[in-house]
PDB file of all heavy atoms in Angstrom:
ATOM      1  N   ASP A   1      92.098 101.800 117.987  1.00  0.00           N
ATOM      2  CA  ASP A   1      91.412 100.559 118.324  1.00  0.00           C
ATOM      3  C   ASP A   1      92.388  99.397 118.311  1.00  0.00           C
ATOM      4  O   ASP A   1      93.170  99.230 117.367  1.00  0.00           O
ATOM      5  CB  ASP A   1      90.281 100.294 117.320  1.00  0.00           C
ATOM      6  CG  ASP A   1      89.290  99.254 117.819  1.00  0.00           C
ATOM      7  OD1 ASP A   1      88.762  99.438 118.927  1.00  0.00           O
ATOM      8  OD2 ASP A   1      89.049  98.277 117.110  1.00  0.00           O
ATOM      9  N   MET A   2      92.384  98.605 119.370  1.00  0.00           N
ATOM     10  CA  MET A   2      93.168  97.364 119.445  1.00  0.00           C
ATOM     11  C   MET A   2      94.663  97.609 119.233  1.00  0.00           C
ATOM     12  O   MET A   2      95.374  96.784 118.685  1.00  0.00           O
ATOM     13  CB  MET A   2      92.640  96.343 118.432  1.00  0.00           C
ATOM     14  CG  MET A   2      91.192  95.932 118.644  1.00  0.00           C
ATOM     15  SD  MET A   2      90.519  94.912 117.302  1.00  0.00           S
ATOM     16  CE  MET A   2      91.402  93.359 117.534  1.00  0.00           C
ATOM     17  N   GLY A   3      95.146  98.772 119.666  1.00  0.00           N
ATOM     18  CA  GLY A   3      96.579  99.057 119.566  1.00  0.00           C
ATOM     19  C   GLY A   3      97.018  99.721 118.284  1.00  0.00           C
ATOM     20  O   GLY A   3      98.220  99.868 118.048  1.00  0.00           O
ATOM     21  N   ALA A   4      96.075 100.165 117.446  1.00  0.00           N
ATOM     22  CA  ALA A   4      96.441 100.714 116.141  1.00  0.00           C
ATOM     23  C   ALA A   4      97.335 101.940 116.255  1.00  0.00           C
ATOM     24  O   ALA A   4      98.289 102.105 115.480  1.00  0.00           O
ATOM     25  CB  ALA A   4      95.185 101.062 115.346  1.00  0.00           C
ATOM     26  N   CYS A   5      97.062 102.818 117.216  1.00  0.00           N
ATOM     27  CA  CYS A   5      97.859 104.046 117.330  1.00  0.00           C
ATOM     28  C   CYS A   5      99.249 103.776 117.891  1.00  0.00           C
ATOM     29  O   CYS A   5     100.133 104.624 117.778  1.00  0.00           O
ATOM     30  CB  CYS A   5      97.134 105.070 118.200  1.00  0.00           C
ATOM     31  SG  CYS A   5      95.740 105.862 117.353  1.00  0.00           S
ATOM     32  N   ALA A   6      99.455 102.627 118.484  1.00  0.00           N
ATOM     33  CA  ALA A   6     100.781 102.261 118.988  1.00  0.00           C
ATOM     34  C   ALA A   6     101.575 101.474 117.956  1.00  0.00           C
ATOM     35  O   ALA A   6     102.777 101.703 117.780  1.00  0.00           O
ATOM     36  CB  ALA A   6     100.652 101.437 120.274  1.00  0.00           C
ATOM     37  N   ILE A   7     100.906 100.544 117.261  1.00  0.00           N
ATOM     38  CA  ILE A   7     101.627  99.604 116.393  1.00  0.00           C
ATOM     39  C   ILE A   7     101.773 100.124 114.970  1.00  0.00           C
ATOM     40  O   ILE A   7     102.857 100.054 114.377  1.00  0.00           O
ATOM     41  CB  ILE A   7     100.919  98.234 116.401  1.00  0.00           C
ATOM     42  CG1 ILE A   7     100.840  97.677 117.821  1.00  0.00           C
ATOM     43  CG2 ILE A   7     101.653  97.253 115.490  1.00  0.00           C
ATOM     44  CD1 ILE A   7     100.011  96.409 117.948  1.00  0.00           C
ATOM     45  N   LEU A   8     100.683 100.637 114.388  1.00  0.00           N
ATOM     46  CA  LEU A   8     100.726 101.024 112.979  1.00  0.00           C
ATOM     47  C   LEU A   8     101.799 102.073 112.673  1.00  0.00           C
ATOM     48  O   LEU A   8     102.521 101.926 111.674  1.00  0.00           O
ATOM     49  CB  LEU A   8      99.346 101.504 112.530  1.00  0.00           C
ATOM     50  CG  LEU A   8      99.180 101.729 111.022  1.00  0.00           C
ATOM     51  CD1 LEU A   8      99.438 100.444 110.238  1.00  0.00           C
ATOM     52  CD2 LEU A   8      97.793 102.278 110.706  1.00  0.00           C
ATOM     53  N   PRO A   9     101.968 103.140 113.493  1.00  0.00           N
ATOM     54  CA  PRO A   9     103.040 104.098 113.193  1.00  0.00           C
ATOM     55  C   PRO A   9     104.424 103.487 113.213  1.00  0.00           C
ATOM     56  O   PRO A   9     105.322 103.949 112.501  1.00  0.00           O
ATOM     57  CB  PRO A   9     102.895 105.147 114.302  1.00  0.00           C
ATOM     58  CG  PRO A   9     101.483 105.043 114.753  1.00  0.00           C
ATOM     59  CD  PRO A   9     101.148 103.585 114.625  1.00  0.00           C
ATOM     60  N   ARG A  10     104.621 102.443 113.996  1.00  0.00           N
ATOM     61  CA  ARG A  10     105.930 101.786 114.047  1.00  0.00           C
ATOM     62  C   ARG A  10     106.216 101.006 112.766  1.00  0.00           C
ATOM     63  O   ARG A  10     107.365 100.725 112.457  1.00  0.00           O
ATOM     64  CB  ARG A  10     106.008 100.857 115.258  1.00  0.00           C
ATOM     65  CG  ARG A  10     106.090 101.596 116.584  1.00  0.00           C
ATOM     66  CD  ARG A  10     106.175 100.609 117.740  1.00  0.00           C
ATOM     67  NE  ARG A  10     106.568 101.276 118.972  1.00  0.00           N
ATOM     68  CZ  ARG A  10     105.726 101.804 119.860  1.00  0.00           C
ATOM     69  NH1 ARG A  10     104.432 101.744 119.626  1.00  0.00           N
ATOM     70  NH2 ARG A  10     106.173 102.387 120.949  1.00  0.00           N
ATOM     71  N   ILE A  11     105.158 100.633 112.053  1.00  0.00           N
ATOM     72  CA  ILE A  11     105.332  99.875 110.817  1.00  0.00           C
ATOM     73  C   ILE A  11     105.469 100.808 109.620  1.00  0.00           C
ATOM     74  O   ILE A  11     106.368 100.635 108.795  1.00  0.00           O
ATOM     75  CB  ILE A  11     104.141  98.910 110.607  1.00  0.00           C
ATOM     76  CG1 ILE A  11     104.032  97.917 111.766  1.00  0.00           C
ATOM     77  CG2 ILE A  11     104.301  98.154 109.279  1.00  0.00           C
ATOM     78  CD1 ILE A  11     102.790  97.047 111.712  1.00  0.00           C
ATOM     79  N   ILE A  12     104.588 101.805 109.525  1.00  0.00           N
ATOM     80  CA  ILE A  12     104.555 102.625 108.310  1.00  0.00           C
ATOM     81  C   ILE A  12     104.890 104.089 108.553  1.00  0.00           C
ATOM     82  O   ILE A  12     104.957 104.869 107.598  1.00  0.00           O
ATOM     83  CB  ILE A  12     103.187 102.520 107.607  1.00  0.00           C
ATOM     84  CG1 ILE A  12     102.063 103.111 108.464  1.00  0.00           C
ATOM     85  CG2 ILE A  12     102.880 101.076 107.234  1.00  0.00           C
ATOM     86  CD1 ILE A  12     100.715 103.172 107.752  1.00  0.00           C
ATOM     87  N   GLY A  13     105.113 104.496 109.805  1.00  0.00           N
ATOM     88  CA  GLY A  13     105.412 105.884 110.093  1.00  0.00           C
ATOM     89  C   GLY A  13     104.191 106.639 110.597  1.00  0.00           C
ATOM     90  O   GLY A  13     103.051 106.305 110.266  1.00  0.00           O
ATOM     91  N   GLN A  14     104.454 107.689 111.378  1.00  0.00           N
ATOM     92  CA  GLN A  14     103.388 108.432 112.037  1.00  0.00           C
ATOM     93  C   GLN A  14     102.447 109.110 111.039  1.00  0.00           C
ATOM     94  O   GLN A  14     101.224 109.040 111.171  1.00  0.00           O
ATOM     95  CB  GLN A  14     103.999 109.488 112.964  1.00  0.00           C
ATOM     96  CG  GLN A  14     102.993 110.253 113.800  1.00  0.00           C
ATOM     97  CD  GLN A  14     102.568 109.511 115.051  1.00  0.00           C
ATOM     98  OE1 GLN A  14     103.089 108.433 115.351  1.00  0.00           O
ATOM     99  NE2 GLN A  14     101.623 110.075 115.781  1.00  0.00           N
ATOM    100  N   GLY A  15     103.004 109.794 110.036  1.00  0.00           N
ATOM    101  CA  GLY A  15     102.166 110.529 109.098  1.00  0.00           C
ATOM    102  C   GLY A  15     101.277 109.627 108.275  1.00  0.00           C
ATOM    103  O   GLY A  15     100.088 109.931 108.065  1.00  0.00           O
ATOM    104  N   ARG A  16     101.829 108.523 107.800  1.00  0.00           N
ATOM    105  CA  ARG A  16     101.027 107.604 106.999  1.00  0.00           C
ATOM    106  C   ARG A  16      99.951 106.931 107.842  1.00  0.00           C
ATOM    107  O   ARG A  16      98.818 106.737 107.397  1.00  0.00           O
ATOM    108  CB  ARG A  16     101.944 106.564 106.352  1.00  0.00           C
ATOM    109  CG  ARG A  16     102.824 107.156 105.252  1.00  0.00           C
ATOM    110  CD  ARG A  16     103.957 106.226 104.910  1.00  0.00           C
ATOM    111  NE  ARG A  16     104.719 106.740 103.763  1.00  0.00           N
ATOM    112  CZ  ARG A  16     105.908 106.286 103.406  1.00  0.00           C
ATOM    113  NH1 ARG A  16     106.483 105.317 104.092  1.00  0.00           N
ATOM    114  NH2 ARG A  16     106.520 106.794 102.359  1.00  0.00           N
ATOM    115  N   ALA A  17     100.324 106.563 109.068  1.00  0.00           N
ATOM    116  CA  ALA A  17      99.337 105.962 109.961  1.00  0.00           C
ATOM    117  C   ALA A  17      98.214 106.959 110.250  1.00  0.00           C
ATOM    118  O   ALA A  17      97.032 106.593 110.251  1.00  0.00           O
ATOM    119  CB  ALA A  17      99.997 105.517 111.259  1.00  0.00           C
ATOM    120  N   ALA A  18      98.569 108.214 110.476  1.00  0.00           N
ATOM    121  CA  ALA A  18      97.559 109.234 110.749  1.00  0.00           C
ATOM    122  C   ALA A  18      96.595 109.375 109.569  1.00  0.00           C
ATOM    123  O   ALA A  18      95.382 109.519 109.757  1.00  0.00           O
ATOM    124  CB  ALA A  18      98.235 110.574 111.049  1.00  0.00           C
ATOM    125  N   GLU A  19      97.136 109.327 108.356  1.00  0.00           N
ATOM    126  CA  GLU A  19      96.280 109.429 107.175  1.00  0.00           C
ATOM    127  C   GLU A  19      95.256 108.305 107.141  1.00  0.00           C
ATOM    128  O   GLU A  19      94.052 108.534 106.910  1.00  0.00           O
ATOM    129  CB  GLU A  19      97.134 109.410 105.905  1.00  0.00           C
ATOM    130  CG  GLU A  19      96.317 109.468 104.628  1.00  0.00           C
ATOM    131  CD  GLU A  19      97.185 109.415 103.374  1.00  0.00           C
ATOM    132  OE1 GLU A  19      98.395 109.722 103.466  1.00  0.00           O
ATOM    133  OE2 GLU A  19      96.653 109.066 102.307  1.00  0.00           O
ATOM    134  N   LEU A  20      95.707 107.084 107.363  1.00  0.00           N
ATOM    135  CA  LEU A  20      94.786 105.948 107.309  1.00  0.00           C
ATOM    136  C   LEU A  20      93.776 105.981 108.447  1.00  0.00           C
ATOM    137  O   LEU A  20      92.600 105.651 108.267  1.00  0.00           O
ATOM    138  CB  LEU A  20      95.573 104.637 107.349  1.00  0.00           C
ATOM    139  CG  LEU A  20      96.501 104.353 106.173  1.00  0.00           C
ATOM    140  CD1 LEU A  20      97.186 103.000 106.362  1.00  0.00           C
ATOM    141  CD2 LEU A  20      95.748 104.384 104.849  1.00  0.00           C
ATOM    142  N   LEU A  21      94.222 106.388 109.651  1.00  0.00           N
ATOM    143  CA  LEU A  21      93.342 106.358 110.811  1.00  0.00           C
ATOM    144  C   LEU A  21      92.349 107.519 110.819  1.00  0.00           C
ATOM    145  O   LEU A  21      91.219 107.371 111.285  1.00  0.00           O
ATOM    146  CB  LEU A  21      94.169 106.355 112.099  1.00  0.00           C
ATOM    147  CG  LEU A  21      95.069 105.126 112.289  1.00  0.00           C
ATOM    148  CD1 LEU A  21      95.911 105.267 113.546  1.00  0.00           C
ATOM    149  CD2 LEU A  21      94.266 103.837 112.335  1.00  0.00           C
ATOM    150  N   TYR A  22      92.743 108.672 110.300  1.00  0.00           N
ATOM    151  CA  TYR A  22      91.820 109.809 110.229  1.00  0.00           C
ATOM    152  C   TYR A  22      90.822 109.686 109.078  1.00  0.00           C
ATOM    153  O   TYR A  22      89.659 110.031 109.206  1.00  0.00           O
ATOM    154  CB  TYR A  22      92.587 111.121 110.063  1.00  0.00           C
ATOM    155  CG  TYR A  22      93.177 111.672 111.342  1.00  0.00           C
ATOM    156  CD1 TYR A  22      94.528 111.967 111.421  1.00  0.00           C
ATOM    157  CD2 TYR A  22      92.378 111.932 112.459  1.00  0.00           C
ATOM    158  CE1 TYR A  22      95.087 112.480 112.579  1.00  0.00           C
ATOM    159  CE2 TYR A  22      92.921 112.453 113.622  1.00  0.00           C
ATOM    160  CZ  TYR A  22      94.277 112.725 113.684  1.00  0.00           C
ATOM    161  OH  TYR A  22      94.822 113.232 114.827  1.00  0.00           O
ATOM    162  N   LEU A  23      91.303 109.194 107.933  1.00  0.00           N
ATOM    163  CA  LEU A  23      90.448 109.137 106.749  1.00  0.00           C
ATOM    164  C   LEU A  23      89.673 107.830 106.639  1.00  0.00           C
ATOM    165  O   LEU A  23      88.643 107.772 105.984  1.00  0.00           O
ATOM    166  CB  LEU A  23      91.284 109.347 105.479  1.00  0.00           C
ATOM    167  CG  LEU A  23      92.074 110.656 105.387  1.00  0.00           C
ATOM    168  CD1 LEU A  23      92.781 110.750 104.045  1.00  0.00           C
ATOM    169  CD2 LEU A  23      91.163 111.849 105.608  1.00  0.00           C
ATOM    170  N   GLY A  24      90.200 106.776 107.229  1.00  0.00           N
ATOM    171  CA  GLY A  24      89.541 105.484 107.124  1.00  0.00           C
ATOM    172  C   GLY A  24      89.562 104.899 105.732  1.00  0.00           C
ATOM    173  O   GLY A  24      88.790 103.987 105.418  1.00  0.00           O
ATOM    174  N   ARG A  25      90.431 105.419 104.877  1.00  0.00           N
ATOM    175  CA  ARG A  25      90.465 104.952 103.483  1.00  0.00           C
ATOM    176  C   ARG A  25      91.260 103.658 103.361  1.00  0.00           C
ATOM    177  O   ARG A  25      92.020 103.283 104.239  1.00  0.00           O
ATOM    178  CB  ARG A  25      91.082 106.027 102.583  1.00  0.00           C
ATOM    179  CG  ARG A  25      92.587 106.217 102.739  1.00  0.00           C
ATOM    180  CD  ARG A  25      93.133 107.033 101.586  1.00  0.00           C
ATOM    181  NE  ARG A  25      94.569 107.254 101.646  1.00  0.00           N
ATOM    182  CZ  ARG A  25      95.471 106.374 101.192  1.00  0.00           C
ATOM    183  NH1 ARG A  25      95.095 105.212 100.703  1.00  0.00           N
ATOM    184  NH2 ARG A  25      96.765 106.659 101.256  1.00  0.00           N
ATOM    185  N   SER A  26      91.087 102.995 102.232  1.00  0.00           N
ATOM    186  CA  SER A  26      91.810 101.755 101.976  1.00  0.00           C
ATOM    187  C   SER A  26      93.245 102.037 101.546  1.00  0.00           C
ATOM    188  O   SER A  26      93.497 102.974 100.786  1.00  0.00           O
ATOM    189  CB  SER A  26      91.104 100.936 100.889  1.00  0.00           C
ATOM    190  OG  SER A  26      89.859 100.476 101.336  1.00  0.00           O
ATOM    191  N   MET A  27      94.148 101.240 102.048  1.00  0.00           N
ATOM    192  CA  MET A  27      95.540 101.246 101.599  1.00  0.00           C
ATOM    193  C   MET A  27      95.689 100.146 100.551  1.00  0.00           C
ATOM    194  O   MET A  27      95.367  98.985 100.800  1.00  0.00           O
ATOM    195  CB  MET A  27      96.477 100.974 102.776  1.00  0.00           C
ATOM    196  CG  MET A  27      97.945 100.800 102.415  1.00  0.00           C
ATOM    197  SD  MET A  27      99.002 100.564 103.873  1.00  0.00           S
ATOM    198  CE  MET A  27      98.301  99.039 104.569  1.00  0.00           C
ATOM    199  N   SER A  28      96.126 100.515  99.361  1.00  0.00           N
ATOM    200  CA  SER A  28      96.301  99.524  98.300  1.00  0.00           C
ATOM    201  C   SER A  28      97.481  98.621  98.611  1.00  0.00           C
ATOM    202  O   SER A  28      98.336  98.944  99.452  1.00  0.00           O
ATOM    203  CB  SER A  28      96.516 100.212  96.950  1.00  0.00           C
ATOM    204  OG  SER A  28      97.778 100.866  96.930  1.00  0.00           O
ATOM    205  N   ALA A  29      97.555  97.512  97.908  1.00  0.00           N
ATOM    206  CA  ALA A  29      98.681  96.601  98.088  1.00  0.00           C
ATOM    207  C   ALA A  29      99.989  97.290  97.717  1.00  0.00           C
ATOM    208  O   ALA A  29     101.018  97.114  98.398  1.00  0.00           O
ATOM    209  CB  ALA A  29      98.481  95.349  97.247  1.00  0.00           C
ATOM    210  N   GLU A  30      99.974  98.096  96.650  1.00  0.00           N
ATOM    211  CA  GLU A  30     101.189  98.797  96.231  1.00  0.00           C
ATOM    212  C   GLU A  30     101.641  99.789  97.291  1.00  0.00           C
ATOM    213  O   GLU A  30     102.831  99.868  97.607  1.00  0.00           O
ATOM    214  CB  GLU A  30     100.940  99.522  94.904  1.00  0.00           C
ATOM    215  CG  GLU A  30     102.168 100.236  94.362  1.00  0.00           C
ATOM    216  CD  GLU A  30     101.893 100.946  93.051  1.00  0.00           C
ATOM    217  OE1 GLU A  30     100.732 100.935  92.590  1.00  0.00           O
ATOM    218  OE2 GLU A  30     102.845 101.508  92.483  1.00  0.00           O
ATOM    219  N   GLU A  31     100.685 100.545  97.848  1.00  0.00           N
ATOM    220  CA  GLU A  31     101.028 101.459  98.939  1.00  0.00           C
ATOM    221  C   GLU A  31     101.582 100.682 100.128  1.00  0.00           C
ATOM    222  O   GLU A  31     102.587 101.082 100.726  1.00  0.00           O
ATOM    223  CB  GLU A  31      99.793 102.244  99.383  1.00  0.00           C
ATOM    224  CG  GLU A  31      99.396 103.390  98.496  1.00  0.00           C
ATOM    225  CD  GLU A  31      98.167 104.090  99.011  1.00  0.00           C
ATOM    226  OE1 GLU A  31      97.199 103.397  99.425  1.00  0.00           O
ATOM    227  OE2 GLU A  31      98.156 105.333  98.993  1.00  0.00           O
ATOM    228  N   GLY A  32     100.914  99.594 100.476  1.00  0.00           N
ATOM    229  CA  GLY A  32     101.348  98.799 101.613  1.00  0.00           C
ATOM    230  C   GLY A  32     102.755  98.272 101.452  1.00  0.00           C
ATOM    231  O   GLY A  32     103.533  98.222 102.413  1.00  0.00           O
ATOM    232  N   LEU A  33     103.114  97.897 100.219  1.00  0.00           N
ATOM    233  CA  LEU A  33     104.467  97.423  99.955  1.00  0.00           C
ATOM    234  C   LEU A  33     105.465  98.574 100.056  1.00  0.00           C
ATOM    235  O   LEU A  33     106.516  98.453 100.701  1.00  0.00           O
ATOM    236  CB  LEU A  33     104.536  96.777  98.577  1.00  0.00           C
ATOM    237  CG  LEU A  33     105.892  96.209  98.160  1.00  0.00           C
ATOM    238  CD1 LEU A  33     106.308  95.057  99.067  1.00  0.00           C
ATOM    239  CD2 LEU A  33     105.852  95.754  96.700  1.00  0.00           C
ATOM    240  N   ASN A  34     105.137  99.707  99.433  1.00  0.00           N
ATOM    241  CA  ASN A  34     106.047 100.854  99.450  1.00  0.00           C
ATOM    242  C   ASN A  34     106.221 101.437 100.847  1.00  0.00           C
ATOM    243  O   ASN A  34     107.280 101.982 101.175  1.00  0.00           O
ATOM    244  CB  ASN A  34     105.535 101.944  98.494  1.00  0.00           C
ATOM    245  CG  ASN A  34     105.623 101.529  97.035  1.00  0.00           C
ATOM    246  OD1 ASN A  34     106.416 100.656  96.674  1.00  0.00           O
ATOM    247  ND2 ASN A  34     104.795 102.126  96.197  1.00  0.00           N
ATOM    248  N   TRP A  35     105.175 101.330 101.663  1.00  0.00           N
ATOM    249  CA  TRP A  35     105.222 101.900 103.007  1.00  0.00           C
ATOM    250  C   TRP A  35     105.803 100.934 104.043  1.00  0.00           C
ATOM    251  O   TRP A  35     105.989 101.307 105.185  1.00  0.00           O
ATOM    252  CB  TRP A  35     103.810 102.307 103.443  1.00  0.00           C
ATOM    253  CG  TRP A  35     103.276 103.494 102.694  1.00  0.00           C
ATOM    254  CD1 TRP A  35     103.888 104.205 101.705  1.00  0.00           C
ATOM    255  CD2 TRP A  35     101.997 104.094 102.888  1.00  0.00           C
ATOM    256  NE1 TRP A  35     103.075 105.213 101.262  1.00  0.00           N
ATOM    257  CE2 TRP A  35     101.900 105.182 101.969  1.00  0.00           C
ATOM    258  CE3 TRP A  35     100.912 103.839 103.733  1.00  0.00           C
ATOM    259  CZ2 TRP A  35     100.773 105.995 101.890  1.00  0.00           C
ATOM    260  CZ3 TRP A  35      99.793 104.647 103.644  1.00  0.00           C
ATOM    261  CH2 TRP A  35      99.728 105.711 102.737  1.00  0.00           C
ATOM    262  N   GLY A  36     106.066  99.703 103.653  1.00  0.00           N
ATOM    263  CA  GLY A  36     106.640  98.741 104.581  1.00  0.00           C
ATOM    264  C   GLY A  36     105.626  97.930 105.364  1.00  0.00           C
ATOM    265  O   GLY A  36     106.001  97.158 106.254  1.00  0.00           O
ATOM    266  N   PHE A  37     104.337  98.075 105.046  1.00  0.00           N
ATOM    267  CA  PHE A  37     103.329  97.259 105.725  1.00  0.00           C
ATOM    268  C   PHE A  37     103.405  95.826 105.235  1.00  0.00           C
ATOM    269  O   PHE A  37     103.343  94.886 106.036  1.00  0.00           O
ATOM    270  CB  PHE A  37     101.932  97.837 105.484  1.00  0.00           C
ATOM    271  CG  PHE A  37     100.849  97.197 106.304  1.00  0.00           C
ATOM    272  CD1 PHE A  37     100.652  97.557 107.628  1.00  0.00           C
ATOM    273  CD2 PHE A  37     100.016  96.219 105.763  1.00  0.00           C
ATOM    274  CE1 PHE A  37      99.653  96.964 108.395  1.00  0.00           C
ATOM    275  CE2 PHE A  37      99.022  95.629 106.505  1.00  0.00           C
ATOM    276  CZ  PHE A  37      98.837  96.004 107.832  1.00  0.00           C
ATOM    277  N   PHE A  38     103.531  95.651 103.920  1.00  0.00           N
ATOM    278  CA  PHE A  38     103.657  94.316 103.354  1.00  0.00           C
ATOM    279  C   PHE A  38     105.119  94.004 103.051  1.00  0.00           C
ATOM    280  O   PHE A  38     105.864  94.854 102.554  1.00  0.00           O
ATOM    281  CB  PHE A  38     102.826  94.186 102.074  1.00  0.00           C
ATOM    282  CG  PHE A  38     101.344  94.245 102.297  1.00  0.00           C
ATOM    283  CD1 PHE A  38     100.564  95.226 101.696  1.00  0.00           C
ATOM    284  CD2 PHE A  38     100.728  93.323 103.122  1.00  0.00           C
ATOM    285  CE1 PHE A  38      99.197  95.286 101.908  1.00  0.00           C
ATOM    286  CE2 PHE A  38      99.348  93.379 103.351  1.00  0.00           C
ATOM    287  CZ  PHE A  38      98.588  94.362 102.737  1.00  0.00           C
ATOM    288  N   ASN A  39     105.505  92.764 103.343  1.00  0.00           N
ATOM    289  CA  ASN A  39     106.848  92.298 102.997  1.00  0.00           C
ATOM    290  C   ASN A  39     106.952  91.879 101.539  1.00  0.00           C
ATOM    291  O   ASN A  39     108.016  92.020 100.922  1.00  0.00           O
ATOM    292  CB  ASN A  39     107.229  91.112 103.895  1.00  0.00           C
ATOM    293  CG  ASN A  39     107.267  91.480 105.354  1.00  0.00           C
ATOM    294  OD1 ASN A  39     106.241  91.427 106.037  1.00  0.00           O
ATOM    295  ND2 ASN A  39     108.421  91.869 105.849  1.00  0.00           N
ATOM    296  N   ARG A  40     105.843  91.362 101.001  1.00  0.00           N
ATOM    297  CA  ARG A  40     105.799  90.938  99.599  1.00  0.00           C
ATOM    298  C   ARG A  40     104.397  91.182  99.058  1.00  0.00           C
ATOM    299  O   ARG A  40     103.406  91.072  99.790  1.00  0.00           O
ATOM    300  CB  ARG A  40     106.103  89.433  99.447  1.00  0.00           C
ATOM    301  CG  ARG A  40     107.433  88.954  99.972  1.00  0.00           C
ATOM    302  CD  ARG A  40     108.589  89.249  99.030  1.00  0.00           C
ATOM    303  NE  ARG A  40     109.779  88.532  99.478  1.00  0.00           N
ATOM    304  CZ  ARG A  40     110.582  88.932 100.457  1.00  0.00           C
ATOM    305  NH1 ARG A  40     110.297  90.047 101.125  1.00  0.00           N
ATOM    306  NH2 ARG A  40     111.652  88.231 100.786  1.00  0.00           N
ATOM    307  N   VAL A  41     104.315  91.473  97.766  1.00  0.00           N
ATOM    308  CA  VAL A  41     103.043  91.454  97.044  1.00  0.00           C
ATOM    309  C   VAL A  41     103.216  90.481  95.885  1.00  0.00           C
ATOM    310  O   VAL A  41     104.138  90.641  95.069  1.00  0.00           O
ATOM    311  CB  VAL A  41     102.645  92.849  96.526  1.00  0.00           C
ATOM    312  CG1 VAL A  41     101.415  92.749  95.628  1.00  0.00           C
ATOM    313  CG2 VAL A  41     102.359  93.791  97.694  1.00  0.00           C
ATOM    314  N   VAL A  42     102.380  89.460  95.834  1.00  0.00           N
ATOM    315  CA  VAL A  42     102.521  88.386  94.847  1.00  0.00           C
ATOM    316  C   VAL A  42     101.165  88.117  94.199  1.00  0.00           C
ATOM    317  O   VAL A  42     100.113  88.531  94.709  1.00  0.00           O
ATOM    318  CB  VAL A  42     103.068  87.101  95.503  1.00  0.00           C
ATOM    319  CG1 VAL A  42     104.452  87.337  96.087  1.00  0.00           C
ATOM    320  CG2 VAL A  42     102.119  86.585  96.587  1.00  0.00           C
ATOM    321  N   GLU A  43     101.183  87.410  93.100  1.00  0.00           N
ATOM    322  CA  GLU A  43      99.941  87.036  92.438  1.00  0.00           C
ATOM    323  C   GLU A  43      99.132  86.071  93.312  1.00  0.00           C
ATOM    324  O   GLU A  43      99.713  85.343  94.129  1.00  0.00           O
ATOM    325  CB  GLU A  43     100.230  86.413  91.079  1.00  0.00           C
ATOM    326  CG  GLU A  43     100.817  87.395  90.078  1.00  0.00           C
ATOM    327  CD  GLU A  43      99.927  88.610  89.861  1.00  0.00           C
ATOM    328  OE1 GLU A  43      98.692  88.415  89.698  1.00  0.00           O
ATOM    329  OE2 GLU A  43     100.444  89.739  89.863  1.00  0.00           O
ATOM    330  N   PRO A  44      97.818  86.053  93.134  1.00  0.00           N
ATOM    331  CA  PRO A  44      96.976  85.232  94.008  1.00  0.00           C
ATOM    332  C   PRO A  44      97.390  83.768  94.104  1.00  0.00           C
ATOM    333  O   PRO A  44      97.334  83.180  95.188  1.00  0.00           O
ATOM    334  CB  PRO A  44      95.583  85.374  93.388  1.00  0.00           C
ATOM    335  CG  PRO A  44      95.613  86.708  92.733  1.00  0.00           C
ATOM    336  CD  PRO A  44      97.011  86.874  92.206  1.00  0.00           C
ATOM    337  N   ASP A  45      97.821  83.187  92.966  1.00  0.00           N
ATOM    338  CA  ASP A  45      98.175  81.773  93.013  1.00  0.00           C
ATOM    339  C   ASP A  45      99.502  81.520  93.734  1.00  0.00           C
ATOM    340  O   ASP A  45      99.872  80.366  93.960  1.00  0.00           O
ATOM    341  CB  ASP A  45      98.224  81.172  91.605  1.00  0.00           C
ATOM    342  CG  ASP A  45      99.250  81.859  90.709  1.00  0.00           C
ATOM    343  OD1 ASP A  45      99.844  82.878  91.124  1.00  0.00           O
ATOM    344  OD2 ASP A  45      99.453  81.374  89.577  1.00  0.00           O
TER     345      ASP A  45
END
């Protein structure tokens, strides 16, 4: 949807993108940081 199969694998890799797109599960902030989706994880303030 909206380019997810083209863009998401380029950010986090094909296997990880497939996991999220097939399972529909949430990616935690820690996973997102380790997988390269997030550039930084910081406290809310």
